[in-house]
Amino acid sequence: MQLRIPSFSDTTVVVIGDVMLDRYWYGATGRVSQEAPVPVVDISAIEDRPGGAANVALNLAALGAKVRLIGVVGDDEPAQVLEEKLTAVGIQCAFVKLSGWPTTVKLRVVSKRQQLLRMDFERGIDIDVSAQLEVLTKRHVDGANVVVLEDYDKGTLVTPRTFIQIAKSAGVRVVVDPKFKSFGAYEGADLVKPNSIEFGHAVGGWRDYQDLVGRAARLAADHDVGAIVVTRGGDGMTLVTREGEHHHVPAREVDVFDETGAGDTVAAALAAGVGAGMSLHEATMLANLAASLVVAKSGTATVTPPELRRAVAMSAHADRGVLTMSELDEAVADAKRRGERIVFTNGCFDILHAGHVSYLEEARALGDRLIVALNDDASVRKLKGAGRPINSLERRQKVLAALACVDWVTGFSEDTPEALLERVRPDVLVKGGDYALDEVVGADLVRSWHGEVRVLGMVEDVSTTAIVDKLKG
């Protein structure tokens, strides 16, 4: 499935949860303190960034969504900084302000792009603010597409089910980023996004992928949750619906610089995708892509639609070309996990001509990925006779890989492609020319796993042999 990044400008999201301020102190370290064996940091810059639920709101605004943020803050300087920064990017803030209670602040000391120390300034909410939060939720949920519950277990979402019920009564979908509450607290949500630790806490661990899927489906069904997305770090993300439908999205290979706030970005992307009408599978792919971009940045950060579109374009370009057998195995396995439809064809393709191109374009239209397997030079000589191939396997592979309609090119040395077909197990086997269906080599094999066999037409009066004969003449 090729991910397409939609416009989020018509999507309105209400974010409810624990609001924080992430404060960064930057400076150089060049000496050790004489008082203790610790580095001395000469602070040269201070930066404030919205954190927690505020960072989810900021990520949504960066994607272009309309955002309303509901949370609890103190009547203090950090709260003022938060509101100024959020309203500056168009986020509508609806805060319960508590006199004498401090806004949660996380202070990080950073030197040479490395975090040396984190200090948390926080205190549990010691008065009942649920009634005020419910009033704000009922007021702001009207006209929204999605509600996000961002639960950092700091006291804002003591009873998440109340907010879920308010949203569902208004016909609004709910995405939850949970903490270590019982999953029953999130009953009725459309999508819940635990990480591996949170999911393991809820289900008691799992043995393998199939066990994870089974436990997630049962957990969702038991608590009337539409679907669960388990974020698994370097193992990617797994989406499971309460009916047991599942998709795994592998992690993208990136240089991780800072994972701070990555979960917030995932929650925001899931909500934006759901609100914009993407399927849950597409929204999970979007969240996976967004997370891969944000972890390459420093501290709590956001991603934008242009960044996402560039990443999609680069991935589409990079995920193509000439592959070895082992590389093809991995590429096909990833594609099948994404639910992509694999099309396979094979041949000599000695001198590429218009007939080949038309045939390959038609084949590619039958699925999401097209594999072209080329006979190696020895097998071409055996099939076509002395003097063939005109072009070596390496050259033929390079030319075919340059076609926009071809995803993966590989070579094989056997007389038939049956061993490769058994290895790849494509959804569709395609041949061109005047073959009858029962003459296609490997047809019965492909049908044995319920694959499809197709014979496509070729452009008339165009063939490699005819071109060679004409050149000789």
Protein backbone atom coordinates (compact mmCIF):
# COMPACT_ATOMS: atom_id res chain seq x y z
CA MET A 1 0.00 0.00 0.00
CA GLN A 2 1.44 3.36 -1.08
CA LEU A 3 0.88 5.96 1.65
CA ARG A 4 -0.68 9.22 0.53
CA ILE A 5 -0.52 12.27 2.80
CA PRO A 6 -3.93 14.03 2.80
CA SER A 7 -4.72 17.59 3.76
CA PHE A 8 -5.60 17.92 7.44
CA SER A 9 -6.93 21.48 7.17
CA ASP A 10 -10.58 20.39 7.53
CA THR A 11 -9.83 18.17 10.55
CA THR A 12 -10.72 19.46 14.03
CA VAL A 13 -9.18 17.65 17.00
CA VAL A 14 -9.85 18.13 20.71
CA VAL A 15 -6.90 17.13 22.88
CA ILE A 16 -7.59 16.44 26.58
CA GLY A 17 -4.85 15.49 28.99
CA ASP A 18 -1.85 16.30 31.12
CA VAL A 19 -0.28 19.56 29.99
CA MET A 20 3.41 20.22 30.66
CA LEU A 21 6.20 22.62 29.79
CA ASP A 22 9.48 21.17 28.53
CA ARG A 23 12.28 23.59 29.42
CA TYR A 24 15.78 23.21 27.95
CA TRP A 25 18.99 24.77 29.25
CA TYR A 26 21.82 24.64 26.72
CA GLY A 27 25.49 25.24 27.36
CA ALA A 28 29.07 24.17 26.84
CA THR A 29 30.97 21.83 29.14
CA GLY A 30 34.72 22.22 29.34
CA ARG A 31 35.61 21.55 32.94
CA VAL A 32 34.76 19.47 35.98
CA SER A 33 33.51 21.03 39.20
CA GLN A 34 36.02 21.26 42.07
CA GLU A 35 33.16 20.60 44.47
CA ALA A 36 32.17 17.22 43.03
CA PRO A 37 33.10 15.01 40.05
CA VAL A 38 30.44 16.49 37.78
CA PRO A 39 30.67 18.58 34.60
CA VAL A 40 30.12 22.33 34.83
CA VAL A 41 27.67 23.60 32.20
CA ASP A 42 27.93 27.26 31.21
CA ILE A 43 24.31 27.98 30.29
CA SER A 44 24.10 30.10 27.16
CA ALA A 45 20.52 29.56 25.99
CA ILE A 46 17.12 28.63 27.38
CA GLU A 47 14.27 27.22 25.29
CA ASP A 48 10.69 26.39 26.27
CA ARG A 49 8.54 23.88 24.37
CA PRO A 50 5.02 22.60 25.05
CA GLY A 51 5.08 19.04 26.40
CA GLY A 52 2.70 16.19 27.18
CA ALA A 53 -0.81 16.85 25.85
CA ALA A 54 0.40 20.29 24.73
CA ASN A 55 3.01 18.61 22.52
CA VAL A 56 0.30 16.41 20.97
CA ALA A 57 -1.68 19.60 20.23
CA LEU A 58 1.43 21.23 18.75
CA ASN A 59 2.07 18.20 16.51
CA LEU A 60 -1.52 18.32 15.27
CA ALA A 61 -1.23 22.05 14.53
CA ALA A 62 2.02 21.39 12.62
CA LEU A 63 0.12 18.89 10.47
CA GLY A 64 -2.41 21.61 9.66
CA ALA A 65 -5.34 20.48 11.83
CA LYS A 66 -7.56 22.79 13.86
CA VAL A 67 -6.81 22.08 17.52
CA ARG A 68 -8.56 22.69 20.85
CA LEU A 69 -6.57 21.82 23.99
CA ILE A 70 -8.15 21.08 27.38
CA GLY A 71 -6.01 20.60 30.48
CA VAL A 72 -4.99 21.76 33.93
CA VAL A 73 -2.29 24.35 34.63
CA GLY A 74 -1.20 26.50 37.53
CA ASP A 75 -1.63 30.24 37.75
CA ASP A 76 2.06 30.79 37.12
CA GLU A 77 4.80 31.75 34.67
CA PRO A 78 5.09 28.30 32.96
CA ALA A 79 1.35 28.33 32.26
CA GLN A 80 1.65 31.78 30.71
CA VAL A 81 4.54 30.62 28.52
CA LEU A 82 2.54 27.57 27.42
CA GLU A 83 -0.53 29.57 26.49
CA GLU A 84 1.48 32.15 24.55
CA LYS A 85 3.32 29.50 22.53
CA LEU A 86 0.18 27.47 21.80
CA THR A 87 -2.09 30.36 20.82
CA ALA A 88 0.69 31.70 18.58
CA VAL A 89 0.23 28.68 16.30
CA GLY A 90 -3.56 28.81 16.36
CA ILE A 91 -4.31 26.32 19.14
CA GLN A 92 -7.39 27.18 21.17
CA CYS A 93 -6.54 26.70 24.86
CA ALA A 94 -9.23 25.85 27.42
CA PHE A 95 -7.34 25.51 30.70
CA VAL A 96 -8.50 24.95 34.24
CA LYS A 97 -6.16 27.27 36.19
CA LEU A 98 -5.41 26.32 39.78
CA SER A 99 -4.06 28.92 42.16
CA GLY A 100 -1.28 27.54 44.36
CA TRP A 101 -0.71 24.47 42.19
CA PRO A 102 2.41 24.43 39.93
CA THR A 103 2.24 23.73 36.21
CA THR A 104 4.25 20.57 35.50
CA VAL A 105 7.72 21.47 34.19
CA LYS A 106 10.43 19.11 32.94
CA LEU A 107 13.82 20.82 32.88
CA ARG A 108 16.58 19.30 30.76
CA VAL A 109 20.24 20.37 30.76
CA VAL A 110 21.81 19.77 27.34
CA SER A 111 25.42 20.11 26.20
CA LYS A 112 26.84 19.22 22.80
CA ARG A 113 23.43 17.82 21.81
CA GLN A 114 23.53 15.37 24.72
CA GLN A 115 21.03 15.45 27.57
CA LEU A 116 23.02 15.50 30.83
CA LEU A 117 20.24 15.86 33.38
CA ARG A 118 16.46 16.04 33.69
CA MET A 119 14.68 17.63 36.64
CA ASP A 120 10.89 17.33 37.09
CA PHE A 121 8.88 19.97 38.89
CA GLU A 122 5.46 18.49 39.48
CA ARG A 123 2.84 17.79 42.10
CA GLY A 124 -0.30 15.70 42.02
CA ILE A 125 -3.56 17.56 41.48
CA ASP A 126 -4.97 17.69 44.99
CA ILE A 127 -8.45 19.05 44.23
CA ASP A 128 -11.28 17.61 42.13
CA VAL A 129 -11.35 19.35 38.74
CA SER A 130 -13.38 16.70 36.90
CA ALA A 131 -16.58 18.75 36.78
CA GLN A 132 -14.77 21.74 35.23
CA LEU A 133 -13.04 19.52 32.67
CA GLU A 134 -16.33 17.86 31.73
CA VAL A 135 -17.95 21.27 31.14
CA LEU A 136 -15.06 22.32 28.90
CA THR A 137 -15.20 19.03 27.00
CA LYS A 138 -18.94 19.30 26.31
CA ARG A 139 -18.41 22.86 25.13
CA HIS A 140 -15.50 22.15 22.76
CA VAL A 141 -16.34 18.69 21.39
CA ASP A 142 -19.08 20.12 19.16
CA GLY A 143 -17.94 20.09 15.54
CA ALA A 144 -14.81 18.05 16.21
CA ASN A 145 -13.75 15.01 14.18
CA VAL A 146 -11.62 13.34 16.84
CA VAL A 147 -10.93 13.56 20.57
CA VAL A 148 -7.47 12.57 21.81
CA LEU A 149 -7.04 11.54 25.46
CA GLU A 150 -3.38 12.03 26.37
CA ASP A 151 -2.99 10.24 29.70
CA TYR A 152 0.35 10.79 31.44
CA ASP A 153 -1.21 9.71 34.74
CA LYS A 154 -0.64 13.14 36.29
CA GLY A 155 -4.24 13.59 37.44
CA THR A 156 -6.12 15.24 34.57
CA LEU A 157 -7.71 12.01 33.29
CA VAL A 158 -8.73 10.32 36.53
CA THR A 159 -11.79 8.81 34.84
CA PRO A 160 -11.10 8.67 31.07
CA ARG A 161 -14.35 6.81 30.40
CA THR A 162 -16.32 9.96 31.24
CA PHE A 163 -14.65 11.91 28.42
CA ILE A 164 -15.04 8.97 26.03
CA GLN A 165 -18.77 8.88 26.72
CA ILE A 166 -19.08 12.64 26.14
CA ALA A 167 -17.29 12.35 22.81
CA LYS A 168 -19.26 9.29 21.67
CA SER A 169 -22.54 10.97 22.59
CA ALA A 170 -21.51 13.79 20.24
CA GLY A 171 -20.65 11.30 17.49
CA VAL A 172 -16.91 12.00 17.73
CA ARG A 173 -14.24 9.29 17.46
CA VAL A 174 -11.76 8.83 20.30
CA VAL A 175 -8.03 8.03 20.23
CA VAL A 176 -6.34 7.25 23.55
CA ASP A 177 -2.66 7.40 24.49
CA PRO A 178 -2.83 5.38 27.73
CA LYS A 179 -0.80 4.83 30.87
CA PHE A 180 -0.88 2.02 33.42
CA LYS A 181 -4.60 2.15 34.14
CA SER A 182 -6.82 -0.86 33.66
CA PHE A 183 -7.93 -1.00 30.03
CA GLY A 184 -11.47 -0.86 31.35
CA ALA A 185 -10.83 2.84 32.00
CA TYR A 186 -10.73 3.37 28.21
CA GLU A 187 -13.88 1.39 27.42
CA GLY A 188 -15.63 2.55 24.26
CA ALA A 189 -12.61 4.23 22.65
CA ASP A 190 -12.15 3.79 18.90
CA LEU A 191 -8.37 3.39 19.10
CA VAL A 192 -5.97 2.89 22.01
CA LYS A 193 -2.20 3.27 21.51
CA PRO A 194 -0.12 1.54 24.20
CA ASN A 195 3.61 1.03 23.89
CA SER A 196 5.11 -2.44 24.40
CA ILE A 197 5.53 -1.95 28.15
CA GLU A 198 1.99 -0.65 28.65
CA PHE A 199 0.54 -3.43 26.49
CA GLY A 200 2.57 -6.07 28.32
CA HIS A 201 1.33 -4.66 31.63
CA ALA A 202 -2.25 -5.09 30.38
CA VAL A 203 -1.95 -8.62 28.93
CA GLY A 204 0.93 -10.16 30.89
CA GLY A 205 3.35 -10.42 27.96
CA TRP A 206 3.25 -12.44 24.74
CA ARG A 207 5.23 -15.20 23.04
CA ASP A 208 5.29 -14.22 19.37
CA TYR A 209 3.48 -12.12 16.80
CA GLN A 210 0.40 -14.35 16.56
CA ASP A 211 0.11 -14.41 20.34
CA LEU A 212 0.34 -10.61 20.42
CA VAL A 213 -2.45 -10.36 17.83
CA GLY A 214 -4.67 -12.77 19.76
CA ARG A 215 -4.15 -11.02 23.09
CA ALA A 216 -4.73 -7.57 21.56
CA ALA A 217 -7.96 -8.69 19.86
CA ARG A 218 -9.27 -10.20 23.11
CA LEU A 219 -8.29 -7.10 25.09
CA ALA A 220 -10.09 -4.87 22.61
CA ALA A 221 -13.19 -7.06 22.55
CA ASP A 222 -13.32 -7.33 26.37
CA HIS A 223 -13.32 -3.54 26.76
CA ASP A 224 -15.31 -2.47 23.68
CA VAL A 225 -12.27 -0.83 22.10
CA GLY A 226 -12.37 -0.60 18.31
CA ALA A 227 -8.67 -1.27 17.73
CA ILE A 228 -5.29 -1.26 19.43
CA VAL A 229 -2.00 0.00 17.98
CA VAL A 230 0.99 -1.36 19.89
CA THR A 231 4.06 0.82 19.35
CA ARG A 232 7.09 -1.47 19.55
CA GLY A 233 10.12 0.79 19.07
CA GLY A 234 12.57 -0.78 16.63
CA ASP A 235 10.04 -3.54 15.87
CA GLY A 236 7.57 -1.07 14.36
CA MET A 237 3.83 -0.88 15.10
CA THR A 238 1.14 -3.55 15.14
CA LEU A 239 -2.51 -2.70 14.52
CA VAL A 240 -5.15 -5.16 15.75
CA THR A 241 -8.92 -4.68 15.61
CA ARG A 242 -11.32 -6.27 18.07
CA GLU A 243 -12.44 -8.57 15.22
CA GLY A 244 -8.86 -9.85 14.92
CA GLU A 245 -7.87 -8.08 11.69
CA HIS A 246 -4.23 -7.10 11.97
CA HIS A 247 -1.44 -5.27 10.14
CA HIS A 248 2.19 -4.88 11.08
CA VAL A 249 4.08 -1.76 10.00
CA PRO A 250 7.87 -2.31 10.20
CA ALA A 251 10.01 0.45 11.71
CA ARG A 252 11.88 2.58 9.20
CA GLU A 253 15.66 2.46 9.41
CA VAL A 254 16.72 5.85 10.81
CA ASP A 255 19.46 7.28 12.99
CA VAL A 256 17.67 7.86 16.29
CA PHE A 257 18.86 11.07 17.91
CA ASP A 258 16.26 11.73 20.60
CA GLU A 259 13.09 9.76 21.41
CA THR A 260 11.65 12.53 23.62
CA GLY A 261 8.03 13.16 22.64
CA ALA A 262 7.92 10.48 19.92
CA GLY A 263 4.82 8.93 21.51
CA ASP A 264 3.10 12.32 21.35
CA THR A 265 3.86 12.54 17.64
CA VAL A 266 2.43 9.05 17.09
CA ALA A 267 -0.78 9.93 18.96
CA ALA A 268 -1.14 13.14 16.95
CA ALA A 269 -0.57 11.42 13.60
CA LEU A 270 -3.05 8.65 14.43
CA ALA A 271 -5.69 11.21 15.39
CA ALA A 272 -5.02 13.38 12.34
CA GLY A 273 -5.23 10.36 10.05
CA VAL A 274 -8.46 9.10 11.58
CA GLY A 275 -9.94 12.60 11.48
CA ALA A 276 -8.99 13.05 7.82
CA GLY A 277 -10.76 9.81 6.84
CA MET A 278 -7.74 7.52 6.49
CA SER A 279 -8.22 3.85 7.30
CA LEU A 280 -6.71 2.62 10.58
CA HIS A 281 -3.99 0.87 8.58
CA GLU A 282 -3.16 4.07 6.71
CA ALA A 283 -3.22 6.12 9.92
CA THR A 284 -0.81 3.63 11.51
CA MET A 285 1.52 3.91 8.53
CA LEU A 286 1.34 7.70 8.83
CA ALA A 287 2.16 7.54 12.55
CA ASN A 288 5.08 5.19 11.91
CA LEU A 289 6.50 7.57 9.30
CA ALA A 290 6.01 10.62 11.53
CA ALA A 291 7.76 8.90 14.44
CA SER A 292 10.75 8.02 12.26
CA LEU A 293 11.16 11.69 11.36
CA VAL A 294 10.71 13.14 14.84
CA VAL A 295 13.25 10.86 16.57
CA ALA A 296 15.93 12.32 14.29
CA LYS A 297 15.30 15.74 15.87
CA SER A 298 16.33 17.14 19.23
CA GLY A 299 13.86 17.16 22.14
CA THR A 300 10.10 17.49 21.83
CA ALA A 301 9.55 18.29 18.15
CA THR A 302 6.97 18.15 15.37
CA VAL A 303 6.74 17.09 11.74
CA THR A 304 4.95 18.81 8.87
CA PRO A 305 3.07 17.51 5.79
CA PRO A 306 5.89 18.59 3.41
CA GLU A 307 8.38 16.57 5.49
CA LEU A 308 6.05 13.56 5.38
CA ARG A 309 5.53 13.85 1.63
CA ARG A 310 9.27 14.11 0.99
CA ALA A 311 9.85 11.03 3.17
CA VAL A 312 7.17 9.09 1.27
CA ALA A 313 8.72 10.08 -2.06
CA MET A 314 12.21 9.13 -0.90
CA SER A 315 10.99 5.81 0.52
CA ALA A 316 9.18 4.96 -2.67
CA HIS A 317 12.34 5.67 -4.65
CA ALA A 318 14.68 3.87 -2.27
CA ASP A 319 12.46 0.81 -1.92
CA ARG A 320 13.04 -0.24 -5.54
CA GLY A 321 15.76 -1.61 -7.75
CA VAL A 322 17.92 -4.67 -8.36
CA LEU A 323 17.82 -7.08 -5.42
CA THR A 324 19.65 -10.23 -4.43
CA MET A 325 17.52 -13.22 -3.43
CA SER A 326 17.90 -12.51 0.28
CA GLU A 327 17.08 -8.82 -0.24
CA LEU A 328 14.03 -9.82 -2.27
CA ASP A 329 12.92 -12.14 0.56
CA GLU A 330 12.99 -9.24 3.03
CA ALA A 331 11.30 -6.78 0.65
CA VAL A 332 8.47 -9.21 -0.14
CA ALA A 333 7.97 -10.10 3.53
CA ASP A 334 7.66 -6.41 4.45
CA ALA A 335 5.27 -5.77 1.56
CA LYS A 336 3.06 -8.69 2.57
CA ARG A 337 2.97 -7.46 6.18
CA ARG A 338 1.72 -4.15 4.81
CA GLY A 339 -1.01 -5.99 2.91
CA GLU A 340 0.45 -5.18 -0.51
CA ARG A 341 -0.47 -7.25 -3.58
CA ILE A 342 2.58 -8.82 -5.28
CA VAL A 343 2.72 -9.28 -9.07
CA PHE A 344 5.42 -11.49 -10.64
CA THR A 345 6.62 -11.89 -14.20
CA ASN A 346 9.73 -13.35 -15.78
CA GLY A 347 11.57 -13.47 -19.07
CA CYS A 348 14.76 -12.60 -20.96
CA PHE A 349 14.00 -8.93 -21.77
CA ASP A 350 17.18 -8.84 -23.85
CA ILE A 351 16.50 -5.68 -25.84
CA LEU A 352 13.81 -3.64 -24.10
CA HIS A 353 11.17 -2.37 -26.53
CA ALA A 354 7.75 -0.73 -26.55
CA GLY A 355 5.96 -4.06 -26.29
CA HIS A 356 7.82 -4.89 -23.09
CA VAL A 357 7.06 -1.49 -21.55
CA SER A 358 3.32 -1.64 -22.31
CA TYR A 359 3.13 -5.18 -20.95
CA LEU A 360 5.00 -4.28 -17.73
CA GLU A 361 2.84 -1.21 -17.14
CA GLU A 362 -0.27 -3.36 -17.52
CA ALA A 363 1.18 -5.95 -15.13
CA ARG A 364 2.03 -3.31 -12.50
CA ALA A 365 -1.57 -2.07 -12.58
CA LEU A 366 -2.69 -5.49 -11.25
CA GLY A 367 -1.10 -4.93 -7.83
CA ASP A 368 1.03 -2.82 -5.50
CA ARG A 369 4.46 -4.32 -6.34
CA LEU A 370 5.87 -5.74 -9.58
CA ILE A 371 8.77 -8.22 -9.51
CA VAL A 372 10.59 -8.91 -12.79
CA ALA A 373 12.77 -12.05 -12.71
CA LEU A 374 15.35 -12.25 -15.51
CA ASN A 375 16.92 -15.39 -16.98
CA ASP A 376 20.68 -15.21 -16.44
CA ASP A 377 23.00 -15.16 -19.47
CA ALA A 378 23.55 -18.95 -19.59
CA SER A 379 19.81 -19.71 -19.53
CA VAL A 380 19.15 -17.08 -22.24
CA ARG A 381 21.73 -18.78 -24.51
CA LYS A 382 20.05 -22.09 -23.83
CA LEU A 383 16.63 -20.67 -24.75
CA LYS A 384 17.56 -18.32 -27.60
CA GLY A 385 20.72 -19.83 -29.09
CA ALA A 386 24.26 -18.67 -29.81
CA GLY A 387 24.84 -14.93 -29.86
CA ARG A 388 22.23 -14.23 -27.20
CA PRO A 389 21.81 -12.39 -24.96
CA ILE A 390 22.75 -9.16 -26.68
CA ASN A 391 22.93 -7.49 -23.27
CA SER A 392 24.36 -9.06 -20.13
CA LEU A 393 22.19 -9.79 -17.08
CA GLU A 394 23.65 -6.81 -15.22
CA ARG A 395 22.77 -4.42 -18.05
CA ARG A 396 19.29 -5.87 -18.52
CA GLN A 397 18.61 -5.53 -14.78
CA LYS A 398 19.77 -1.91 -14.76
CA VAL A 399 17.50 -0.94 -17.66
CA LEU A 400 14.42 -2.64 -16.20
CA ALA A 401 14.99 -1.19 -12.73
CA ALA A 402 14.87 2.30 -14.27
CA LEU A 403 11.23 1.81 -15.35
CA ALA A 404 8.71 3.52 -13.07
CA CYS A 405 6.36 0.53 -13.30
CA VAL A 406 8.96 -1.98 -12.03
CA ASP A 407 9.63 -2.27 -8.29
CA TRP A 408 12.12 -5.12 -7.94
CA VAL A 409 14.38 -6.89 -10.43
CA THR A 410 16.27 -10.11 -9.76
CA GLY A 411 17.94 -12.85 -11.78
CA PHE A 412 17.60 -16.65 -11.78
CA SER A 413 19.67 -19.44 -13.33
CA GLU A 414 17.21 -22.34 -13.42
CA ASP A 415 15.39 -23.42 -16.59
CA THR A 416 12.05 -22.30 -15.09
CA PRO A 417 11.12 -19.72 -12.44
CA GLU A 418 9.22 -22.28 -10.34
CA ALA A 419 11.73 -22.33 -7.47
CA LEU A 420 11.59 -18.52 -7.31
CA LEU A 421 7.80 -18.55 -7.46
CA GLU A 422 7.69 -20.96 -4.52
CA ARG A 423 10.02 -18.63 -2.63
CA VAL A 424 8.11 -15.41 -3.37
CA ARG A 425 4.54 -16.81 -3.48
CA PRO A 426 3.13 -13.87 -5.47
CA ASP A 427 -0.55 -12.94 -5.58
CA VAL A 428 -0.50 -12.68 -9.38
CA LEU A 429 1.65 -14.46 -12.00
CA VAL A 430 1.71 -12.61 -15.32
CA LYS A 431 2.97 -13.58 -18.77
CA GLY A 432 2.73 -11.70 -22.04
CA GLY A 433 2.24 -12.88 -25.61
CA ASP A 434 0.31 -15.75 -27.13
CA TYR A 435 0.41 -18.14 -24.15
CA ALA A 436 -2.71 -20.04 -23.13
CA LEU A 437 -3.30 -20.03 -19.39
CA ASP A 438 -2.45 -23.73 -19.10
CA GLU A 439 0.87 -23.12 -20.90
CA VAL A 440 2.19 -20.62 -18.34
CA VAL A 441 5.05 -22.22 -16.40
CA GLY A 442 4.26 -22.16 -12.68
CA ALA A 443 0.53 -21.53 -13.14
CA ASP A 444 -0.56 -24.59 -11.13
CA LEU A 445 1.93 -23.71 -8.41
CA VAL A 446 0.55 -20.18 -8.03
CA ARG A 447 -3.03 -21.43 -8.03
CA SER A 448 -2.13 -23.85 -5.21
CA TRP A 449 -1.94 -20.91 -2.78
CA HIS A 450 -5.00 -19.29 -4.40
CA GLY A 451 -2.97 -16.88 -6.52
CA GLU A 452 -4.13 -15.53 -9.84
CA VAL A 453 -2.62 -16.25 -13.29
CA ARG A 454 -3.00 -13.70 -16.10
CA VAL A 455 -1.86 -13.57 -19.73
CA LEU A 456 -1.53 -10.06 -21.12
CA GLY A 457 -1.29 -8.93 -24.71
CA MET A 458 1.83 -7.59 -26.40
CA VAL A 459 2.22 -4.73 -28.86
CA GLU A 460 1.93 -6.19 -32.37
CA ASP A 461 4.94 -6.38 -34.71
CA VAL A 462 7.48 -5.70 -31.94
CA SER A 463 9.88 -8.36 -30.64
CA THR A 464 13.52 -8.66 -29.64
CA THR A 465 14.12 -11.33 -32.30
CA ALA A 466 12.63 -9.09 -35.02
CA ILE A 467 14.81 -6.20 -33.89
CA VAL A 468 17.94 -8.37 -33.97
CA ASP A 469 17.05 -9.72 -37.44
CA LYS A 470 16.45 -6.18 -38.74
CA LEU A 471 19.82 -5.04 -37.42
CA LYS A 472 21.53 -8.00 -39.06
CA GLY A 473 19.84 -7.13 -42.36
